[in-house]
């Protein structure tokens, strides 16, 4: 596959994933047939650009560790910017605005200096966890340090396979 075709295939896959996520957002405003027609139209246009006859987008089923937090970097640690409602983090008592100083004894202050280090520190801890494992957070909230244990949950996706062809 030449460079042009690779770019078109990547654009097609990205568009299909994006449009697939919009399907849920606009389901109340458009009929399912309208959405399918629009996705099909865009996919076929991208296939024309790529010169390919068909393209397959496949996502195998997966289960990932999930605690329900969004994070941002600060020099002294990792700031919790959002907590998913009813998540393990919310149930344990983590709050938006908490500054994570450490997780399982690993300082997040040293991790926050570089995004790559933060990703490897924070994510390397979380991705090794299994459902039911406990993450030990040391957080700073309103000037006071607190220890909060969070049981790891999971997030699952059933997977899909989508084949788009010009026919």
N, C-alpha and C. Protein backbone atom coordinates (compact mmCIF):
# COMPACT_ATOMS: atom_id res chain seq x y z
N UNK A 1 0.86 -1.18 0.00
CA UNK A 1 0.00 0.00 0.00
C UNK A 1 0.90 1.23 0.00
N UNK A 2 0.66 2.15 -0.92
CA UNK A 2 1.50 3.35 -0.98
C UNK A 2 1.10 4.35 0.10
N UNK A 3 1.91 5.40 0.23
CA UNK A 3 1.70 6.39 1.28
C UNK A 3 0.32 7.04 1.20
N UNK A 4 -0.12 7.38 -0.01
CA UNK A 4 -1.44 8.01 -0.19
C UNK A 4 -2.55 7.08 0.30
N UNK A 5 -2.45 5.81 -0.05
CA UNK A 5 -3.47 4.84 0.38
C UNK A 5 -3.46 4.65 1.89
N UNK A 6 -2.26 4.65 2.49
CA UNK A 6 -2.17 4.51 3.95
C UNK A 6 -2.84 5.69 4.64
N UNK A 7 -2.60 6.89 4.12
CA UNK A 7 -3.22 8.08 4.71
C UNK A 7 -4.74 8.04 4.57
N UNK A 8 -5.21 7.64 3.40
CA UNK A 8 -6.66 7.55 3.18
C UNK A 8 -7.27 6.48 4.06
N UNK A 9 -6.58 5.35 4.23
CA UNK A 9 -7.09 4.28 5.09
C UNK A 9 -7.15 4.75 6.54
N UNK A 10 -6.12 5.47 6.98
CA UNK A 10 -6.12 6.00 8.34
C UNK A 10 -7.25 7.01 8.53
N UNK A 11 -7.45 7.86 7.53
CA UNK A 11 -8.55 8.83 7.60
C UNK A 11 -9.90 8.12 7.65
N UNK A 12 -10.03 7.07 6.87
CA UNK A 12 -11.27 6.29 6.86
C UNK A 12 -11.53 5.68 8.22
N UNK A 13 -10.53 5.03 8.79
CA UNK A 13 -10.71 4.40 10.10
C UNK A 13 -11.06 5.43 11.16
N UNK A 14 -10.36 6.56 11.16
CA UNK A 14 -10.64 7.62 12.13
C UNK A 14 -12.04 8.17 11.95
N UNK A 15 -12.44 8.41 10.73
CA UNK A 15 -13.78 8.93 10.45
C UNK A 15 -14.85 7.95 10.90
N UNK A 16 -14.65 6.68 10.60
CA UNK A 16 -15.65 5.68 10.99
C UNK A 16 -15.78 5.60 12.51
N UNK A 17 -14.66 5.65 13.21
CA UNK A 17 -14.72 5.61 14.67
C UNK A 17 -15.41 6.86 15.21
N UNK A 18 -15.09 8.03 14.64
CA UNK A 18 -15.70 9.28 15.07
C UNK A 18 -17.20 9.28 14.79
N UNK A 19 -17.57 8.91 13.58
CA UNK A 19 -18.99 8.89 13.21
C UNK A 19 -19.73 7.86 14.04
N UNK A 20 -19.09 6.74 14.31
CA UNK A 20 -19.71 5.73 15.17
C UNK A 20 -20.03 6.28 16.54
N UNK A 21 -19.13 7.10 17.09
CA UNK A 21 -19.40 7.69 18.40
C UNK A 21 -20.49 8.75 18.32
N UNK A 22 -20.59 9.44 17.17
CA UNK A 22 -21.65 10.43 17.00
C UNK A 22 -23.02 9.78 16.86
N UNK A 23 -23.05 8.53 16.42
CA UNK A 23 -24.32 7.82 16.25
C UNK A 23 -25.12 7.88 17.53
N UNK A 24 -24.45 7.67 18.66
CA UNK A 24 -25.15 7.70 19.94
C UNK A 24 -25.62 9.11 20.28
N UNK A 25 -24.79 10.11 19.95
CA UNK A 25 -25.13 11.49 20.28
C UNK A 25 -26.33 12.00 19.50
N UNK A 26 -26.45 11.58 18.24
CA UNK A 26 -27.51 12.10 17.39
C UNK A 26 -28.66 11.13 17.18
N UNK A 27 -28.65 10.03 17.90
CA UNK A 27 -29.67 9.00 17.68
C UNK A 27 -31.08 9.55 17.85
N UNK A 28 -31.25 10.51 18.75
CA UNK A 28 -32.57 11.07 18.95
C UNK A 28 -32.99 12.02 17.86
N UNK A 29 -32.03 12.57 17.11
CA UNK A 29 -32.32 13.57 16.09
C UNK A 29 -32.39 13.00 14.68
N UNK A 30 -31.79 11.85 14.46
CA UNK A 30 -31.76 11.23 13.14
C UNK A 30 -32.19 9.78 13.25
N UNK A 31 -32.77 9.30 12.18
CA UNK A 31 -33.15 7.89 12.19
C UNK A 31 -31.90 7.05 12.00
N UNK A 32 -31.98 5.79 12.40
CA UNK A 32 -30.85 4.89 12.24
C UNK A 32 -30.47 4.76 10.76
N UNK A 33 -31.46 4.76 9.90
CA UNK A 33 -31.20 4.66 8.46
C UNK A 33 -30.45 5.89 7.95
N UNK A 34 -30.82 7.09 8.44
CA UNK A 34 -30.11 8.31 8.05
C UNK A 34 -28.64 8.24 8.46
N UNK A 35 -28.40 7.76 9.68
CA UNK A 35 -27.03 7.66 10.19
C UNK A 35 -26.24 6.67 9.36
N UNK A 36 -26.82 5.49 9.08
CA UNK A 36 -26.13 4.48 8.27
C UNK A 36 -25.82 5.01 6.88
N UNK A 37 -26.77 5.73 6.30
CA UNK A 37 -26.58 6.29 4.97
C UNK A 37 -25.42 7.30 4.97
N UNK A 38 -25.37 8.14 5.97
CA UNK A 38 -24.30 9.15 6.07
C UNK A 38 -22.93 8.50 6.26
N UNK A 39 -22.85 7.51 7.15
CA UNK A 39 -21.59 6.81 7.38
C UNK A 39 -21.15 6.12 6.10
N UNK A 40 -22.07 5.45 5.44
CA UNK A 40 -21.76 4.74 4.20
C UNK A 40 -21.26 5.72 3.13
N UNK A 41 -21.91 6.85 2.99
CA UNK A 41 -21.53 7.86 2.01
C UNK A 41 -20.09 8.34 2.26
N UNK A 42 -19.80 8.71 3.51
CA UNK A 42 -18.46 9.21 3.83
C UNK A 42 -17.41 8.13 3.63
N UNK A 43 -17.71 6.91 4.06
CA UNK A 43 -16.76 5.80 3.91
C UNK A 43 -16.45 5.54 2.45
N UNK A 44 -17.47 5.56 1.61
CA UNK A 44 -17.26 5.29 0.19
C UNK A 44 -16.45 6.40 -0.47
N UNK A 45 -16.66 7.63 -0.05
CA UNK A 45 -15.85 8.74 -0.58
C UNK A 45 -14.38 8.54 -0.21
N UNK A 46 -14.13 8.14 1.03
CA UNK A 46 -12.75 7.91 1.44
C UNK A 46 -12.15 6.71 0.72
N UNK A 47 -12.95 5.68 0.46
CA UNK A 47 -12.47 4.54 -0.32
C UNK A 47 -12.08 4.98 -1.73
N UNK A 48 -12.90 5.84 -2.33
CA UNK A 48 -12.57 6.37 -3.66
C UNK A 48 -11.21 7.07 -3.63
N UNK A 49 -10.97 7.86 -2.59
CA UNK A 49 -9.69 8.57 -2.48
C UNK A 49 -8.53 7.61 -2.30
N UNK A 50 -8.75 6.52 -1.59
CA UNK A 50 -7.65 5.59 -1.30
C UNK A 50 -7.36 4.65 -2.45
N UNK A 51 -8.33 4.45 -3.34
CA UNK A 51 -8.14 3.50 -4.43
C UNK A 51 -8.40 2.06 -4.01
N UNK A 52 -8.85 1.86 -2.79
CA UNK A 52 -9.12 0.51 -2.30
C UNK A 52 -10.56 0.12 -2.61
N UNK A 53 -10.82 -1.18 -2.72
CA UNK A 53 -12.18 -1.67 -2.93
C UNK A 53 -12.94 -1.83 -1.63
N UNK A 54 -12.22 -2.15 -0.55
CA UNK A 54 -12.88 -2.30 0.75
C UNK A 54 -11.87 -2.01 1.85
N UNK A 55 -12.41 -1.78 3.03
CA UNK A 55 -11.58 -1.53 4.20
C UNK A 55 -12.26 -2.15 5.40
N UNK A 56 -11.47 -2.78 6.25
CA UNK A 56 -12.01 -3.42 7.45
C UNK A 56 -11.46 -2.71 8.68
N UNK A 57 -12.35 -2.34 9.58
CA UNK A 57 -11.98 -1.77 10.87
C UNK A 57 -12.40 -2.80 11.91
N UNK A 58 -11.44 -3.23 12.72
CA UNK A 58 -11.74 -4.27 13.70
C UNK A 58 -11.20 -3.88 15.06
N UNK A 59 -12.03 -4.03 16.07
CA UNK A 59 -11.63 -3.81 17.46
C UNK A 59 -12.00 -5.07 18.23
N UNK A 60 -11.02 -5.83 18.68
CA UNK A 60 -11.36 -7.04 19.43
C UNK A 60 -11.96 -6.68 20.79
N UNK A 61 -12.72 -7.60 21.38
CA UNK A 61 -13.24 -7.34 22.72
C UNK A 61 -12.08 -7.07 23.68
N UNK A 62 -12.31 -6.21 24.65
CA UNK A 62 -11.25 -5.92 25.61
C UNK A 62 -11.84 -5.55 26.96
N UNK A 63 -11.06 -5.81 27.98
CA UNK A 63 -11.39 -5.40 29.34
C UNK A 63 -10.15 -4.70 29.88
N UNK A 64 -10.33 -3.49 30.39
CA UNK A 64 -9.21 -2.72 30.91
C UNK A 64 -9.49 -2.32 32.36
N UNK A 65 -8.42 -2.15 33.15
CA UNK A 65 -8.64 -1.66 34.51
C UNK A 65 -9.19 -0.23 34.44
N UNK A 66 -10.08 0.08 35.36
CA UNK A 66 -10.74 1.38 35.34
C UNK A 66 -11.01 1.82 36.77
N UNK A 67 -10.64 3.07 37.06
CA UNK A 67 -10.98 3.61 38.38
C UNK A 67 -11.86 4.84 38.27
N UNK A 68 -11.89 5.48 37.09
CA UNK A 68 -12.81 6.59 36.87
C UNK A 68 -12.28 7.96 37.16
N UNK A 69 -11.03 8.24 36.79
CA UNK A 69 -10.47 9.57 37.01
C UNK A 69 -9.94 10.17 35.70
N UNK A 70 -9.96 11.51 35.65
CA UNK A 70 -9.28 12.27 34.59
C UNK A 70 -8.17 13.03 35.30
N UNK A 71 -7.03 13.18 34.64
CA UNK A 71 -5.89 13.79 35.31
C UNK A 71 -5.27 14.93 34.51
N UNK A 72 -4.58 15.78 35.22
CA UNK A 72 -3.79 16.85 34.65
C UNK A 72 -2.48 16.93 35.41
N UNK A 73 -1.46 17.48 34.79
CA UNK A 73 -0.13 17.52 35.40
C UNK A 73 0.08 18.80 36.20
N UNK A 74 0.72 18.65 37.34
CA UNK A 74 1.17 19.77 38.17
C UNK A 74 2.58 19.42 38.62
N UNK A 75 3.41 20.41 38.93
CA UNK A 75 4.78 20.10 39.36
C UNK A 75 4.84 19.19 40.59
N UNK A 76 3.88 19.34 41.48
CA UNK A 76 3.94 18.57 42.72
C UNK A 76 3.18 17.24 42.67
N UNK A 77 2.54 16.95 41.55
CA UNK A 77 1.81 15.68 41.44
C UNK A 77 0.84 15.69 40.28
N UNK A 78 -0.13 14.82 40.38
CA UNK A 78 -1.15 14.70 39.33
C UNK A 78 -2.48 15.20 39.89
N UNK A 79 -3.05 16.20 39.23
CA UNK A 79 -4.32 16.81 39.65
C UNK A 79 -5.48 16.00 39.10
N UNK A 80 -6.46 15.69 39.94
CA UNK A 80 -7.67 15.03 39.47
C UNK A 80 -8.60 16.09 38.91
N UNK A 81 -8.86 16.03 37.61
CA UNK A 81 -9.67 17.05 36.95
C UNK A 81 -11.13 16.64 36.80
N UNK A 82 -11.41 15.35 36.92
CA UNK A 82 -12.79 14.88 36.95
C UNK A 82 -12.84 13.49 37.55
N UNK A 83 -13.98 13.17 38.12
CA UNK A 83 -14.24 11.85 38.70
C UNK A 83 -15.54 11.36 38.07
N UNK A 84 -15.50 10.19 37.48
CA UNK A 84 -16.71 9.63 36.86
C UNK A 84 -17.72 9.28 37.94
N UNK A 85 -18.99 9.70 37.76
CA UNK A 85 -20.01 9.36 38.75
C UNK A 85 -20.13 7.84 38.90
N UNK A 86 -20.35 7.39 40.10
CA UNK A 86 -20.53 5.97 40.43
C UNK A 86 -19.30 5.12 40.11
N UNK A 87 -18.15 5.73 39.87
CA UNK A 87 -16.93 4.97 39.60
C UNK A 87 -16.31 4.51 40.92
N UNK A 88 -15.31 3.66 40.80
CA UNK A 88 -14.60 3.18 41.99
C UNK A 88 -13.94 4.36 42.71
N UNK A 89 -13.41 5.32 41.97
CA UNK A 89 -12.77 6.50 42.56
C UNK A 89 -13.78 7.32 43.36
N UNK A 90 -14.98 7.51 42.80
CA UNK A 90 -16.02 8.27 43.49
C UNK A 90 -16.47 7.54 44.76
N UNK A 91 -16.65 6.24 44.65
CA UNK A 91 -17.08 5.44 45.81
C UNK A 91 -16.05 5.47 46.93
N UNK A 92 -14.77 5.54 46.57
CA UNK A 92 -13.70 5.55 47.57
C UNK A 92 -13.53 6.93 48.21
N UNK A 93 -14.05 7.98 47.56
CA UNK A 93 -13.97 9.31 48.13
C UNK A 93 -12.99 10.25 47.47
N UNK A 94 -12.39 9.87 46.35
CA UNK A 94 -11.55 10.82 45.62
C UNK A 94 -12.45 11.93 45.08
N UNK A 95 -11.90 13.14 45.01
CA UNK A 95 -12.70 14.29 44.57
C UNK A 95 -11.93 15.09 43.51
N UNK A 96 -12.69 15.72 42.62
CA UNK A 96 -12.10 16.63 41.65
C UNK A 96 -11.33 17.69 42.42
N UNK A 97 -10.12 17.97 41.98
CA UNK A 97 -9.28 18.94 42.66
C UNK A 97 -8.23 18.31 43.55
N UNK A 98 -8.43 17.04 43.95
CA UNK A 98 -7.41 16.35 44.75
C UNK A 98 -6.10 16.33 43.97
N UNK A 99 -5.00 16.50 44.68
CA UNK A 99 -3.67 16.41 44.08
C UNK A 99 -3.08 15.07 44.51
N UNK A 100 -2.83 14.19 43.55
CA UNK A 100 -2.28 12.87 43.86
C UNK A 100 -0.77 13.03 44.05
N UNK A 101 -0.33 12.78 45.29
CA UNK A 101 1.09 12.87 45.60
C UNK A 101 1.80 11.55 45.30
N UNK A 102 1.09 10.43 45.58
CA UNK A 102 1.67 9.12 45.28
C UNK A 102 0.57 8.09 45.06
N UNK A 103 0.94 7.05 44.32
CA UNK A 103 0.06 5.89 44.10
C UNK A 103 0.89 4.65 44.40
N UNK A 104 0.37 3.83 45.29
CA UNK A 104 1.08 2.61 45.70
C UNK A 104 2.54 2.91 46.06
N UNK A 105 2.74 4.06 46.71
CA UNK A 105 4.07 4.43 47.17
C UNK A 105 4.97 5.08 46.13
N UNK A 106 4.52 5.19 44.89
CA UNK A 106 5.32 5.81 43.83
C UNK A 106 4.96 7.29 43.75
N UNK A 107 5.95 8.15 43.95
CA UNK A 107 5.72 9.59 43.93
C UNK A 107 5.25 10.04 42.56
N UNK A 108 4.19 10.81 42.53
CA UNK A 108 3.71 11.38 41.28
C UNK A 108 4.33 12.75 41.03
N UNK A 109 4.98 13.34 42.05
CA UNK A 109 5.64 14.64 41.87
C UNK A 109 6.77 14.51 40.86
N UNK A 110 7.56 13.48 40.99
CA UNK A 110 8.66 13.30 40.04
C UNK A 110 8.14 12.94 38.66
N UNK A 111 6.94 12.36 38.61
CA UNK A 111 6.35 11.96 37.33
C UNK A 111 5.83 13.17 36.56
N UNK A 112 5.41 14.20 37.25
CA UNK A 112 4.74 15.33 36.61
C UNK A 112 5.68 16.22 35.82
N UNK A 113 7.00 16.07 36.01
CA UNK A 113 7.96 16.90 35.29
C UNK A 113 7.90 16.70 33.78
N UNK A 114 7.65 15.49 33.36
CA UNK A 114 7.58 15.17 31.94
C UNK A 114 6.37 14.31 31.68
N UNK A 115 5.61 14.65 30.67
CA UNK A 115 4.40 13.89 30.36
C UNK A 115 4.72 12.42 30.13
N UNK A 116 5.82 12.14 29.44
CA UNK A 116 6.18 10.74 29.17
C UNK A 116 6.42 10.00 30.48
N UNK A 117 7.10 10.64 31.42
CA UNK A 117 7.36 10.01 32.71
C UNK A 117 6.07 9.81 33.48
N UNK A 118 5.18 10.80 33.40
CA UNK A 118 3.90 10.68 34.10
C UNK A 118 3.09 9.54 33.52
N UNK A 119 3.05 9.47 32.19
CA UNK A 119 2.32 8.36 31.55
C UNK A 119 2.91 7.03 31.97
N UNK A 120 4.23 6.93 31.96
CA UNK A 120 4.83 5.65 32.30
C UNK A 120 4.64 5.35 33.78
N UNK A 121 4.71 6.36 34.65
CA UNK A 121 4.52 6.13 36.08
C UNK A 121 3.08 5.80 36.43
N UNK A 122 2.18 6.71 36.11
CA UNK A 122 0.76 6.54 36.43
C UNK A 122 0.17 5.34 35.69
N UNK A 123 0.35 5.32 34.37
CA UNK A 123 -0.27 4.25 33.58
C UNK A 123 0.38 2.91 33.81
N UNK A 124 1.69 2.91 34.09
CA UNK A 124 2.34 1.62 34.34
C UNK A 124 1.79 0.99 35.61
N UNK A 125 1.37 1.79 36.55
CA UNK A 125 0.77 1.26 37.77
C UNK A 125 -0.64 0.75 37.47
N UNK A 126 -1.46 1.58 36.84
CA UNK A 126 -2.87 1.23 36.61
C UNK A 126 -3.01 0.04 35.66
N UNK A 127 -2.26 0.02 34.57
CA UNK A 127 -2.46 -1.04 33.58
C UNK A 127 -2.07 -2.42 34.08
N UNK A 128 -1.29 -2.50 35.14
CA UNK A 128 -0.92 -3.79 35.71
C UNK A 128 -1.95 -4.31 36.71
N UNK A 129 -2.91 -3.46 37.06
CA UNK A 129 -3.89 -3.82 38.08
C UNK A 129 -4.97 -4.72 37.50
N UNK A 130 -5.59 -5.48 38.37
CA UNK A 130 -6.70 -6.35 38.00
C UNK A 130 -7.93 -5.92 38.80
N UNK A 131 -9.10 -6.26 38.30
CA UNK A 131 -10.34 -5.94 39.01
C UNK A 131 -10.25 -6.47 40.44
N UNK A 132 -10.55 -5.58 41.40
CA UNK A 132 -10.51 -5.96 42.81
C UNK A 132 -9.22 -5.59 43.51
N UNK A 133 -8.13 -5.37 42.75
CA UNK A 133 -6.88 -4.92 43.36
C UNK A 133 -7.12 -3.55 43.98
N UNK A 134 -6.27 -3.18 44.94
CA UNK A 134 -6.43 -1.89 45.61
C UNK A 134 -5.28 -0.97 45.26
N UNK A 135 -5.62 0.23 44.81
CA UNK A 135 -4.65 1.30 44.57
C UNK A 135 -4.64 2.19 45.80
N UNK A 136 -3.44 2.45 46.32
CA UNK A 136 -3.31 3.28 47.52
C UNK A 136 -2.89 4.68 47.10
N UNK A 137 -3.82 5.61 47.21
CA UNK A 137 -3.57 7.00 46.84
C UNK A 137 -3.18 7.80 48.08
N UNK A 138 -2.18 8.66 47.93
CA UNK A 138 -1.90 9.69 48.93
C UNK A 138 -2.22 10.99 48.21
N UNK A 139 -3.24 11.71 48.71
CA UNK A 139 -3.68 12.93 48.05
C UNK A 139 -3.57 14.12 48.99
N UNK A 140 -3.48 15.29 48.39
CA UNK A 140 -3.51 16.55 49.12
C UNK A 140 -4.84 17.20 48.79
N UNK A 141 -5.65 17.43 49.84
CA UNK A 141 -6.96 18.06 49.67
C UNK A 141 -7.10 19.17 50.70
N UNK A 142 -7.30 20.38 50.21
CA UNK A 142 -7.46 21.54 51.08
C UNK A 142 -6.33 21.64 52.10
N UNK A 143 -5.10 21.41 51.61
CA UNK A 143 -3.91 21.55 52.45
C UNK A 143 -3.60 20.38 53.37
N UNK A 144 -4.42 19.35 53.35
CA UNK A 144 -4.20 18.19 54.23
C UNK A 144 -3.99 16.92 53.42
N UNK A 145 -3.01 16.13 53.85
CA UNK A 145 -2.77 14.85 53.19
C UNK A 145 -3.76 13.80 53.67
N UNK A 146 -4.22 12.99 52.74
CA UNK A 146 -5.14 11.90 53.06
C UNK A 146 -4.71 10.64 52.32
N UNK A 147 -4.92 9.50 52.95
CA UNK A 147 -4.71 8.22 52.29
C UNK A 147 -6.08 7.68 51.89
N UNK A 148 -6.23 7.33 50.62
CA UNK A 148 -7.51 6.81 50.12
C UNK A 148 -7.22 5.56 49.29
N UNK A 149 -7.87 4.47 49.66
CA UNK A 149 -7.73 3.22 48.93
C UNK A 149 -8.87 3.09 47.92
N UNK A 150 -8.51 2.76 46.69
CA UNK A 150 -9.50 2.63 45.62
C UNK A 150 -9.41 1.21 45.05
N UNK A 151 -10.54 0.49 45.10
CA UNK A 151 -10.60 -0.84 44.49
C UNK A 151 -10.71 -0.65 42.98
N UNK A 152 -9.90 -1.35 42.24
CA UNK A 152 -9.89 -1.22 40.78
C UNK A 152 -11.10 -1.92 40.19
N UNK A 153 -11.79 -1.22 39.31
CA UNK A 153 -12.91 -1.81 38.58
C UNK A 153 -12.44 -2.15 37.17
N UNK A 154 -13.39 -2.34 36.28
CA UNK A 154 -13.01 -2.65 34.90
C UNK A 154 -13.95 -1.95 33.94
N UNK A 155 -13.45 -1.75 32.76
CA UNK A 155 -14.22 -1.16 31.67
C UNK A 155 -14.11 -2.13 30.51
N UNK A 156 -15.25 -2.57 30.01
CA UNK A 156 -15.19 -3.56 28.93
C UNK A 156 -15.85 -3.02 27.67
N UNK A 157 -15.36 -3.51 26.55
CA UNK A 157 -15.90 -3.15 25.25
C UNK A 157 -16.13 -4.45 24.51
N UNK A 158 -17.31 -4.65 23.93
CA UNK A 158 -17.61 -5.94 23.29
C UNK A 158 -16.84 -6.19 21.99
N UNK A 159 -16.24 -5.16 21.43
CA UNK A 159 -15.53 -5.31 20.17
C UNK A 159 -16.48 -5.22 18.98
N UNK A 160 -15.91 -5.09 17.80
CA UNK A 160 -16.71 -5.01 16.58
C UNK A 160 -15.82 -5.27 15.37
N UNK A 161 -16.44 -5.57 14.27
CA UNK A 161 -15.75 -5.68 12.98
C UNK A 161 -16.66 -5.01 11.96
N UNK A 162 -16.13 -4.04 11.25
CA UNK A 162 -16.89 -3.28 10.28
C UNK A 162 -16.17 -3.36 8.94
N UNK A 163 -16.85 -3.86 7.93
CA UNK A 163 -16.27 -3.95 6.58
C UNK A 163 -17.04 -2.97 5.70
N UNK A 164 -16.30 -2.05 5.10
CA UNK A 164 -16.89 -1.06 4.21
C UNK A 164 -16.40 -1.38 2.80
N UNK A 165 -17.31 -1.45 1.86
CA UNK A 165 -16.89 -1.67 0.47
C UNK A 165 -17.65 -0.70 -0.44
N UNK A 166 -17.11 -0.49 -1.62
CA UNK A 166 -17.74 0.44 -2.56
C UNK A 166 -19.02 -0.12 -3.14
N UNK A 167 -19.23 -1.40 -3.07
CA UNK A 167 -20.40 -2.05 -3.69
C UNK A 167 -21.66 -1.77 -2.93
